[in-house]
N, C-alpha and C. Protein backbone atom coordinates (compact mmCIF):
# COMPACT_ATOMS: atom_id res chain seq x y z
N UNK A 1 66.16 127.53 51.97
CA UNK A 1 66.50 126.16 52.26
C UNK A 1 68.00 125.98 52.41
N UNK A 2 68.74 126.54 51.51
CA UNK A 2 70.18 126.43 51.57
C UNK A 2 70.71 127.01 52.87
N UNK A 3 70.14 128.10 53.29
CA UNK A 3 70.59 128.76 54.50
C UNK A 3 70.35 127.89 55.73
N UNK A 4 69.26 127.20 55.81
CA UNK A 4 68.94 126.35 56.96
C UNK A 4 69.89 125.16 57.03
N UNK A 5 70.29 124.60 55.89
CA UNK A 5 71.18 123.43 55.92
C UNK A 5 72.62 123.79 56.26
N UNK A 6 73.04 125.03 56.02
CA UNK A 6 74.41 125.41 56.34
C UNK A 6 74.58 125.73 57.82
N UNK A 7 73.52 126.09 58.53
CA UNK A 7 73.62 126.40 59.96
C UNK A 7 74.06 125.18 60.76
N UNK A 8 73.45 123.98 60.57
CA UNK A 8 73.93 122.82 61.32
C UNK A 8 75.37 122.44 60.96
N UNK A 9 75.77 122.58 59.71
CA UNK A 9 77.14 122.22 59.35
C UNK A 9 78.13 123.23 59.92
N UNK A 10 77.73 124.51 60.02
CA UNK A 10 78.59 125.51 60.65
C UNK A 10 78.75 125.22 62.13
N UNK A 11 77.68 124.84 62.78
CA UNK A 11 77.73 124.50 64.20
C UNK A 11 78.61 123.27 64.42
N UNK A 12 78.47 122.30 63.55
CA UNK A 12 79.27 121.09 63.65
C UNK A 12 80.75 121.40 63.45
N UNK A 13 81.05 122.26 62.48
CA UNK A 13 82.43 122.66 62.23
C UNK A 13 83.01 123.41 63.42
N UNK A 14 82.22 124.31 64.00
CA UNK A 14 82.66 125.06 65.17
C UNK A 14 82.90 124.13 66.36
N UNK A 15 82.02 123.17 66.55
CA UNK A 15 82.18 122.19 67.63
C UNK A 15 83.44 121.35 67.43
N UNK A 16 83.67 120.93 66.20
CA UNK A 16 84.87 120.16 65.87
C UNK A 16 86.14 120.96 66.12
N UNK A 17 86.13 122.23 65.73
CA UNK A 17 87.27 123.11 65.96
C UNK A 17 87.53 123.29 67.45
N UNK A 18 86.48 123.48 68.22
CA UNK A 18 86.59 123.62 69.67
C UNK A 18 87.17 122.35 70.30
N UNK A 19 86.71 121.20 69.83
CA UNK A 19 87.22 119.93 70.33
C UNK A 19 88.72 119.78 70.04
N UNK A 20 89.16 120.16 68.85
CA UNK A 20 90.58 120.08 68.49
C UNK A 20 91.41 120.99 69.39
N UNK A 21 90.92 122.20 69.62
CA UNK A 21 91.63 123.14 70.49
C UNK A 21 91.73 122.58 71.91
N UNK A 22 90.65 122.01 72.43
CA UNK A 22 90.67 121.43 73.79
C UNK A 22 91.62 120.25 73.88
N UNK A 23 91.63 119.39 72.87
CA UNK A 23 92.54 118.24 72.88
C UNK A 23 94.00 118.70 72.81
N UNK A 24 94.29 119.71 72.01
CA UNK A 24 95.66 120.25 71.94
C UNK A 24 96.07 120.85 73.27
N UNK A 25 95.16 121.55 73.93
CA UNK A 25 95.45 122.14 75.24
C UNK A 25 95.70 121.05 76.28
N UNK A 26 94.89 119.99 76.24
CA UNK A 26 95.08 118.89 77.19
C UNK A 26 96.41 118.19 76.95
N UNK A 27 96.79 118.00 75.70
CA UNK A 27 98.08 117.37 75.40
C UNK A 27 99.23 118.24 75.88
N UNK A 28 99.12 119.54 75.73
CA UNK A 28 100.16 120.45 76.20
C UNK A 28 100.22 120.45 77.71
N UNK A 29 99.09 120.43 78.39
CA UNK A 29 99.06 120.45 79.85
C UNK A 29 99.66 119.18 80.43
N UNK A 30 99.53 118.03 79.74
CA UNK A 30 100.07 116.79 80.28
C UNK A 30 101.57 116.66 80.03
N UNK A 31 102.13 117.49 79.18
CA UNK A 31 103.56 117.48 78.92
C UNK A 31 104.21 118.54 79.80
N UNK A 32 104.97 118.12 80.83
CA UNK A 32 105.57 119.08 81.75
C UNK A 32 106.44 120.13 81.08
N UNK A 33 107.16 119.79 80.04
CA UNK A 33 107.90 120.78 79.25
C UNK A 33 107.99 120.27 77.83
N UNK A 34 108.67 120.98 76.97
CA UNK A 34 108.67 120.60 75.56
C UNK A 34 109.34 119.26 75.31
N UNK A 35 110.16 118.77 76.25
CA UNK A 35 110.79 117.46 76.11
C UNK A 35 109.99 116.36 76.80
N UNK A 36 108.92 116.73 77.49
CA UNK A 36 108.09 115.75 78.18
C UNK A 36 108.60 115.36 79.55
N UNK A 37 109.55 116.11 80.11
CA UNK A 37 110.12 115.79 81.41
C UNK A 37 109.91 116.91 82.41
N UNK A 38 109.83 116.50 83.68
CA UNK A 38 109.92 117.43 84.80
C UNK A 38 111.33 117.25 85.35
N UNK A 39 112.04 118.32 85.61
CA UNK A 39 113.38 118.26 86.20
C UNK A 39 113.31 118.78 87.62
N UNK A 40 113.72 117.95 88.59
CA UNK A 40 113.78 118.34 89.99
C UNK A 40 115.21 118.21 90.47
N UNK A 41 115.66 119.17 91.29
CA UNK A 41 117.00 119.09 91.89
C UNK A 41 116.84 119.19 93.40
N UNK A 42 117.49 118.29 94.10
CA UNK A 42 117.52 118.32 95.56
C UNK A 42 118.80 117.65 96.01
N UNK A 43 119.03 117.61 97.33
CA UNK A 43 120.32 117.15 97.85
C UNK A 43 120.11 116.09 98.91
N UNK A 44 120.88 115.01 98.79
CA UNK A 44 120.87 113.90 99.73
C UNK A 44 121.93 114.17 100.79
N UNK A 45 121.51 114.24 102.07
CA UNK A 45 122.42 114.48 103.18
C UNK A 45 122.53 113.19 103.99
N UNK A 46 123.72 112.63 103.98
CA UNK A 46 123.97 111.32 104.58
C UNK A 46 125.00 111.43 105.69
N UNK A 47 124.74 110.75 106.81
CA UNK A 47 125.76 110.57 107.86
C UNK A 47 126.30 109.17 107.65
N UNK A 48 127.54 109.09 107.27
CA UNK A 48 128.11 107.84 106.76
C UNK A 48 128.33 106.80 107.86
N UNK A 49 128.55 105.57 107.40
CA UNK A 49 128.84 104.46 108.30
C UNK A 49 129.95 104.83 109.26
N UNK A 50 129.79 104.47 110.51
CA UNK A 50 130.83 104.72 111.50
C UNK A 50 130.81 106.13 112.07
N UNK A 51 129.78 106.92 111.75
CA UNK A 51 129.74 108.30 112.25
C UNK A 51 129.00 108.40 113.59
N UNK A 52 128.79 107.27 114.24
CA UNK A 52 128.18 107.29 115.56
C UNK A 52 126.70 106.93 115.54
N UNK A 53 126.03 107.20 116.67
CA UNK A 53 124.63 106.78 116.81
C UNK A 53 123.66 107.52 115.88
N UNK A 54 124.07 108.63 115.29
CA UNK A 54 123.19 109.37 114.38
C UNK A 54 123.43 109.03 112.92
N UNK A 55 124.17 107.95 112.66
CA UNK A 55 124.43 107.54 111.27
C UNK A 55 123.12 107.24 110.58
N UNK A 56 123.01 107.66 109.32
CA UNK A 56 121.81 107.37 108.54
C UNK A 56 122.04 106.19 107.59
N UNK A 57 123.23 105.61 107.64
CA UNK A 57 123.57 104.42 106.87
C UNK A 57 124.15 103.40 107.84
N UNK A 58 123.61 102.19 107.83
CA UNK A 58 124.12 101.13 108.71
C UNK A 58 124.25 99.82 107.93
N UNK A 59 125.21 99.01 108.35
CA UNK A 59 125.35 97.67 107.77
C UNK A 59 124.25 96.79 108.30
N UNK A 60 123.65 96.03 107.41
CA UNK A 60 122.72 94.99 107.81
C UNK A 60 123.46 93.65 107.79
N UNK A 61 124.31 93.48 106.77
CA UNK A 61 125.20 92.33 106.66
C UNK A 61 126.57 92.87 106.27
N UNK A 62 127.59 92.51 107.05
CA UNK A 62 128.93 92.99 106.77
C UNK A 62 129.88 91.80 106.77
N UNK A 63 130.39 91.48 105.60
CA UNK A 63 131.38 90.40 105.49
C UNK A 63 132.68 90.89 106.11
N UNK A 64 133.19 90.16 107.04
CA UNK A 64 134.42 90.57 107.71
C UNK A 64 135.63 90.58 106.77
N UNK A 65 135.57 89.82 105.68
CA UNK A 65 136.70 89.79 104.75
C UNK A 65 136.72 90.99 103.80
N UNK A 66 135.71 91.83 103.86
CA UNK A 66 135.63 92.97 102.96
C UNK A 66 135.85 94.27 103.72
N UNK A 67 136.68 95.13 103.17
CA UNK A 67 136.94 96.42 103.82
C UNK A 67 136.16 97.56 103.14
N UNK A 68 135.44 97.25 102.07
CA UNK A 68 134.71 98.26 101.31
C UNK A 68 133.22 98.18 101.59
N UNK A 69 132.56 99.36 101.65
CA UNK A 69 131.10 99.37 101.83
C UNK A 69 130.41 98.62 100.70
N UNK A 70 131.01 98.65 99.51
CA UNK A 70 130.42 97.94 98.39
C UNK A 70 131.01 96.54 98.24
N UNK A 71 131.63 96.04 99.30
CA UNK A 71 132.22 94.70 99.27
C UNK A 71 131.19 93.65 98.91
N UNK A 72 131.62 92.71 98.11
CA UNK A 72 130.73 91.66 97.61
C UNK A 72 130.04 90.96 98.77
N UNK A 73 128.72 91.01 98.77
CA UNK A 73 127.93 90.37 99.82
C UNK A 73 127.49 91.30 100.94
N UNK A 74 128.08 92.47 101.04
CA UNK A 74 127.65 93.43 102.07
C UNK A 74 126.26 93.96 101.75
N UNK A 75 125.48 94.19 102.79
CA UNK A 75 124.15 94.80 102.65
C UNK A 75 124.08 95.95 103.64
N UNK A 76 123.65 97.09 103.18
CA UNK A 76 123.48 98.24 104.06
C UNK A 76 122.13 98.89 103.78
N UNK A 77 121.58 99.52 104.79
CA UNK A 77 120.31 100.23 104.66
C UNK A 77 120.54 101.69 105.02
N UNK A 78 119.69 102.55 104.48
CA UNK A 78 119.86 103.97 104.76
C UNK A 78 118.52 104.69 104.81
N UNK A 79 118.54 105.78 105.54
CA UNK A 79 117.40 106.68 105.69
C UNK A 79 117.98 108.09 105.78
N UNK A 80 118.32 108.66 104.63
CA UNK A 80 118.98 109.96 104.56
C UNK A 80 117.97 111.09 104.38
N UNK A 81 118.38 112.28 104.76
CA UNK A 81 117.55 113.46 104.56
C UNK A 81 117.68 113.96 103.13
N UNK A 82 116.56 114.39 102.55
CA UNK A 82 116.56 115.13 101.28
C UNK A 82 116.31 116.58 101.63
N UNK A 83 117.20 117.45 101.17
CA UNK A 83 117.08 118.88 101.46
C UNK A 83 117.01 119.66 100.16
N UNK A 84 116.48 120.88 100.26
CA UNK A 84 116.37 121.76 99.10
C UNK A 84 117.73 122.27 98.64
N UNK A 85 118.73 122.29 99.53
CA UNK A 85 120.04 122.81 99.18
C UNK A 85 121.17 122.01 99.77
N UNK A 86 122.39 122.42 99.45
CA UNK A 86 123.60 121.76 99.95
C UNK A 86 123.79 122.01 101.44
N UNK A 87 123.39 123.17 101.91
CA UNK A 87 123.60 123.56 103.30
C UNK A 87 122.82 122.64 104.25
N UNK A 88 123.44 122.33 105.39
CA UNK A 88 122.80 121.42 106.36
C UNK A 88 121.59 122.05 107.04
N UNK A 89 121.41 123.35 106.91
CA UNK A 89 120.22 123.99 107.48
C UNK A 89 119.17 124.33 106.42
N UNK A 90 119.36 123.86 105.18
CA UNK A 90 118.36 124.12 104.14
C UNK A 90 117.11 123.27 104.45
N UNK A 91 115.95 123.68 103.95
CA UNK A 91 114.70 122.99 104.28
C UNK A 91 114.71 121.51 103.91
N UNK A 92 114.18 120.70 104.80
CA UNK A 92 114.02 119.26 104.56
C UNK A 92 112.78 119.07 103.70
N UNK A 93 112.93 118.37 102.57
CA UNK A 93 111.79 118.13 101.69
C UNK A 93 111.40 116.65 101.65
N UNK A 94 112.20 115.77 102.27
CA UNK A 94 111.85 114.36 102.26
C UNK A 94 112.97 113.48 102.77
N UNK A 95 112.87 112.20 102.42
CA UNK A 95 113.83 111.19 102.86
C UNK A 95 114.22 110.32 101.66
N UNK A 96 115.45 109.83 101.71
CA UNK A 96 115.95 108.84 100.76
C UNK A 96 116.10 107.56 101.55
N UNK A 97 115.17 106.63 101.34
CA UNK A 97 115.13 105.40 102.14
C UNK A 97 115.34 104.20 101.24
N UNK A 98 116.33 103.36 101.60
CA UNK A 98 116.56 102.20 100.76
C UNK A 98 117.66 101.31 101.26
N UNK A 99 118.20 100.54 100.32
CA UNK A 99 119.25 99.59 100.65
C UNK A 99 120.23 99.46 99.51
N UNK A 100 121.42 99.01 99.85
CA UNK A 100 122.45 98.74 98.86
C UNK A 100 123.04 97.37 99.11
N UNK A 101 123.43 96.72 98.05
CA UNK A 101 124.03 95.39 98.14
C UNK A 101 125.32 95.40 97.34
N UNK A 102 126.41 94.96 97.98
CA UNK A 102 127.68 94.81 97.27
C UNK A 102 127.53 93.68 96.27
N UNK A 103 127.38 94.02 94.99
CA UNK A 103 127.07 93.01 93.99
C UNK A 103 128.20 92.76 92.99
N UNK A 104 129.34 93.41 93.22
CA UNK A 104 130.47 93.25 92.32
C UNK A 104 131.59 92.48 93.03
N UNK A 105 132.03 91.40 92.42
CA UNK A 105 133.13 90.64 93.02
C UNK A 105 134.41 91.47 93.05
N UNK A 106 134.52 92.46 92.16
CA UNK A 106 135.68 93.36 92.16
C UNK A 106 135.55 94.41 93.27
N UNK A 107 134.41 94.45 93.95
CA UNK A 107 134.13 95.38 95.05
C UNK A 107 134.27 96.83 94.63
N UNK A 108 133.83 97.13 93.40
CA UNK A 108 133.89 98.51 92.92
C UNK A 108 132.52 99.12 92.61
N UNK A 109 131.45 98.38 92.96
CA UNK A 109 130.10 98.93 92.79
C UNK A 109 129.12 98.10 93.59
N UNK A 110 127.93 98.66 93.71
CA UNK A 110 126.85 97.97 94.40
C UNK A 110 125.54 98.29 93.74
N UNK A 111 124.54 97.49 94.02
CA UNK A 111 123.20 97.70 93.50
C UNK A 111 122.37 98.40 94.57
N UNK A 112 121.68 99.47 94.20
CA UNK A 112 120.82 100.18 95.15
C UNK A 112 119.37 100.09 94.70
N UNK A 113 118.50 100.07 95.69
CA UNK A 113 117.06 100.04 95.48
C UNK A 113 116.47 100.95 96.55
N UNK A 114 115.81 102.05 96.15
CA UNK A 114 115.38 103.02 97.17
C UNK A 114 114.18 103.82 96.74
N UNK A 115 113.61 104.53 97.70
CA UNK A 115 112.47 105.42 97.52
C UNK A 115 112.88 106.83 97.92
N UNK A 116 112.51 107.81 97.13
CA UNK A 116 112.61 109.21 97.53
C UNK A 116 111.21 109.59 97.98
N UNK A 117 111.06 109.79 99.28
CA UNK A 117 109.76 110.05 99.89
C UNK A 117 109.68 111.53 100.22
N UNK A 118 108.75 112.23 99.59
CA UNK A 118 108.63 113.68 99.79
C UNK A 118 107.67 113.98 100.93
N UNK A 119 108.12 114.80 101.88
CA UNK A 119 107.34 115.10 103.09
C UNK A 119 107.01 116.58 103.23
N UNK A 120 107.38 117.38 102.24
CA UNK A 120 107.10 118.82 102.30
C UNK A 120 107.02 119.36 100.88
N UNK A 121 106.43 120.53 100.74
CA UNK A 121 106.39 121.21 99.46
C UNK A 121 105.35 120.66 98.51
N UNK A 122 105.53 120.98 97.25
CA UNK A 122 104.57 120.64 96.20
C UNK A 122 104.34 119.13 96.07
N UNK A 123 105.35 118.31 96.38
CA UNK A 123 105.25 116.87 96.19
C UNK A 123 105.03 116.10 97.49
N UNK A 124 104.65 116.79 98.56
CA UNK A 124 104.38 116.18 99.86
C UNK A 124 103.41 115.00 99.70
N UNK A 125 103.79 113.85 100.25
CA UNK A 125 102.95 112.66 100.17
C UNK A 125 103.21 111.80 98.95
N UNK A 126 104.09 112.23 98.06
CA UNK A 126 104.42 111.47 96.85
C UNK A 126 105.80 110.84 97.01
N UNK A 127 106.10 109.85 96.18
CA UNK A 127 107.42 109.23 96.22
C UNK A 127 107.84 108.77 94.84
N UNK A 128 109.14 108.59 94.68
CA UNK A 128 109.73 108.03 93.46
C UNK A 128 110.47 106.74 93.82
N UNK A 129 110.31 105.71 93.01
CA UNK A 129 111.02 104.44 93.20
C UNK A 129 112.18 104.39 92.21
N UNK A 130 113.37 104.02 92.72
CA UNK A 130 114.58 104.01 91.89
C UNK A 130 115.41 102.76 92.13
N UNK A 131 116.22 102.44 91.13
CA UNK A 131 117.20 101.36 91.29
C UNK A 131 118.34 101.57 90.32
N UNK A 132 119.47 100.98 90.66
CA UNK A 132 120.63 101.06 89.77
C UNK A 132 121.92 100.83 90.48
N UNK A 133 123.00 100.89 89.73
CA UNK A 133 124.34 100.68 90.28
C UNK A 133 124.85 101.93 90.97
N UNK A 134 125.63 101.70 92.01
CA UNK A 134 126.32 102.77 92.70
C UNK A 134 127.80 102.46 92.64
N UNK A 135 128.53 103.11 91.74
CA UNK A 135 129.96 102.80 91.61
C UNK A 135 130.78 103.45 92.71
N UNK A 136 131.85 102.79 93.11
CA UNK A 136 132.83 103.42 93.99
C UNK A 136 133.65 104.33 93.09
N UNK A 137 133.53 105.65 93.31
CA UNK A 137 134.15 106.60 92.39
C UNK A 137 134.57 107.85 93.16
N UNK A 138 135.46 108.64 92.59
CA UNK A 138 135.90 109.87 93.26
C UNK A 138 134.76 110.89 93.39
N UNK A 139 134.89 111.78 94.36
CA UNK A 139 133.94 112.86 94.58
C UNK A 139 133.73 113.62 93.27
N UNK A 140 132.48 113.88 92.92
CA UNK A 140 132.15 114.62 91.71
C UNK A 140 131.81 113.76 90.52
N UNK A 141 132.02 112.44 90.60
CA UNK A 141 131.68 111.54 89.50
C UNK A 141 130.17 111.51 89.32
N UNK A 142 129.71 111.63 88.10
CA UNK A 142 128.29 111.61 87.79
C UNK A 142 127.87 110.19 87.45
N UNK A 143 126.78 109.71 88.08
CA UNK A 143 126.27 108.40 87.70
C UNK A 143 124.76 108.45 87.66
N UNK A 144 124.16 107.42 87.03
CA UNK A 144 122.74 107.42 86.70
C UNK A 144 122.04 106.21 87.27
N UNK A 145 120.80 106.42 87.70
CA UNK A 145 119.93 105.32 88.12
C UNK A 145 118.56 105.48 87.45
N UNK A 146 117.82 104.40 87.36
CA UNK A 146 116.51 104.42 86.71
C UNK A 146 115.40 104.76 87.70
N UNK A 147 114.49 105.63 87.27
CA UNK A 147 113.24 105.86 88.00
C UNK A 147 112.25 104.83 87.45
N UNK A 148 111.80 103.94 88.32
CA UNK A 148 110.96 102.82 87.88
C UNK A 148 109.49 102.99 88.19
N UNK A 149 109.13 104.04 88.92
CA UNK A 149 107.73 104.27 89.24
C UNK A 149 107.60 105.34 90.29
N UNK A 150 106.40 105.49 90.80
CA UNK A 150 106.16 106.50 91.81
C UNK A 150 104.75 106.41 92.37
N UNK A 151 104.49 107.25 93.37
CA UNK A 151 103.17 107.33 93.97
C UNK A 151 102.74 108.79 94.03
N UNK A 152 101.46 109.01 94.31
CA UNK A 152 100.94 110.36 94.42
C UNK A 152 101.09 111.12 93.10
N UNK A 153 101.71 112.30 93.16
CA UNK A 153 101.90 113.11 91.95
C UNK A 153 102.88 112.47 90.97
N UNK A 154 103.59 111.43 91.40
CA UNK A 154 104.54 110.74 90.54
C UNK A 154 104.02 109.39 90.05
N UNK A 155 102.72 109.15 90.19
CA UNK A 155 102.14 107.89 89.72
C UNK A 155 102.45 107.71 88.24
N UNK A 156 102.88 106.53 87.85
CA UNK A 156 103.26 106.16 86.48
C UNK A 156 104.54 106.85 85.99
N UNK A 157 105.32 107.39 86.90
CA UNK A 157 106.56 108.07 86.52
C UNK A 157 107.60 107.09 85.99
N UNK A 158 108.38 107.56 85.05
CA UNK A 158 109.55 106.87 84.53
C UNK A 158 110.60 107.94 84.32
N UNK A 159 111.85 107.53 84.21
CA UNK A 159 112.88 108.51 83.95
C UNK A 159 114.22 108.07 84.50
N UNK A 160 115.02 109.06 84.87
CA UNK A 160 116.34 108.74 85.38
C UNK A 160 116.76 109.79 86.40
N UNK A 161 117.71 109.38 87.25
CA UNK A 161 118.26 110.24 88.28
C UNK A 161 119.76 110.31 88.08
N UNK A 162 120.28 111.53 87.96
CA UNK A 162 121.72 111.74 87.89
C UNK A 162 122.19 112.19 89.26
N UNK A 163 123.24 111.55 89.77
CA UNK A 163 123.75 111.82 91.09
C UNK A 163 125.23 112.17 91.02
N UNK A 164 125.60 113.17 91.80
CA UNK A 164 127.00 113.54 91.92
C UNK A 164 127.25 113.95 93.37
N UNK A 165 128.25 113.36 93.99
CA UNK A 165 128.60 113.74 95.36
C UNK A 165 129.29 115.10 95.30
N UNK A 166 128.78 116.07 96.06
CA UNK A 166 129.31 117.43 95.96
C UNK A 166 130.06 117.91 97.21
N UNK A 167 129.90 117.19 98.32
CA UNK A 167 130.59 117.60 99.55
C UNK A 167 130.77 116.38 100.44
N UNK A 168 131.94 116.26 101.04
CA UNK A 168 132.21 115.13 101.93
C UNK A 168 133.09 115.57 103.08
N UNK A 169 132.82 115.01 104.26
CA UNK A 169 133.69 115.16 105.43
C UNK A 169 133.96 113.74 105.95
N UNK A 170 134.59 113.63 107.12
CA UNK A 170 134.83 112.31 107.70
C UNK A 170 133.53 111.61 108.10
N UNK A 171 132.47 112.38 108.34
CA UNK A 171 131.23 111.78 108.83
C UNK A 171 130.01 112.06 107.96
N UNK A 172 130.13 112.92 106.96
CA UNK A 172 128.96 113.25 106.13
C UNK A 172 129.29 113.16 104.65
N UNK A 173 128.24 112.98 103.88
CA UNK A 173 128.36 112.95 102.43
C UNK A 173 127.11 113.63 101.88
N UNK A 174 127.29 114.58 100.97
CA UNK A 174 126.16 115.29 100.37
C UNK A 174 126.20 115.09 98.86
N UNK A 175 125.08 114.64 98.32
CA UNK A 175 124.99 114.40 96.88
C UNK A 175 123.94 115.27 96.24
N UNK A 176 124.24 115.75 95.06
CA UNK A 176 123.25 116.49 94.27
C UNK A 176 122.49 115.48 93.44
N UNK A 177 121.16 115.52 93.53
CA UNK A 177 120.30 114.61 92.79
C UNK A 177 119.49 115.40 91.77
N UNK A 178 119.59 115.03 90.52
CA UNK A 178 118.80 115.65 89.45
C UNK A 178 117.90 114.58 88.86
N UNK A 179 116.59 114.71 89.12
CA UNK A 179 115.61 113.75 88.63
C UNK A 179 114.96 114.29 87.36
N UNK A 180 114.92 113.47 86.33
CA UNK A 180 114.25 113.79 85.07
C UNK A 180 113.10 112.79 84.94
N UNK A 181 111.89 113.29 85.12
CA UNK A 181 110.72 112.44 85.29
C UNK A 181 109.75 112.62 84.12
N UNK A 182 109.32 111.49 83.55
CA UNK A 182 108.32 111.50 82.48
C UNK A 182 107.09 110.75 82.97
N UNK A 183 105.94 111.17 82.52
CA UNK A 183 104.69 110.52 82.91
C UNK A 183 104.02 109.85 81.70
N UNK A 184 104.75 109.63 80.63
CA UNK A 184 104.19 109.02 79.42
C UNK A 184 104.13 107.53 79.53
């Protein structure tokens, strides 16, 4: 009799142990790394205002009294290439599409609202939504924007984007973008 009653409890214990192991594995699989973030690095390739018909940034509203792109009241839109590397021939992985508004009366920053739309690679068809300030700063200055959501593989994403301009000419600007994405 004793032997028959311990078999169901052993099976129940084994089932419970299996369930704990599966739940731990699922929790680990949903955490991209030990900090809970996925880190992506890519490069924004921009043809700046005034660089001719192939410019990827254009004024939508330009106050004539302002000489700065971030001039108070200015509005500009952009559709820049996202590439895997700094080089202009590195693979295109998507687009940086959005707008900026000169929101500082001191004309030293602007508010940006944009989408990183992935068109190739592992994240093809997905996008990240971002917003934040864009300060007028020297080349190499690091600044941060908020990741407010996403689509596709980035659904429910939150996090931040660190940006640093790494190369500039009279007509182009290249920025390194480091996205730290959480799905919690």
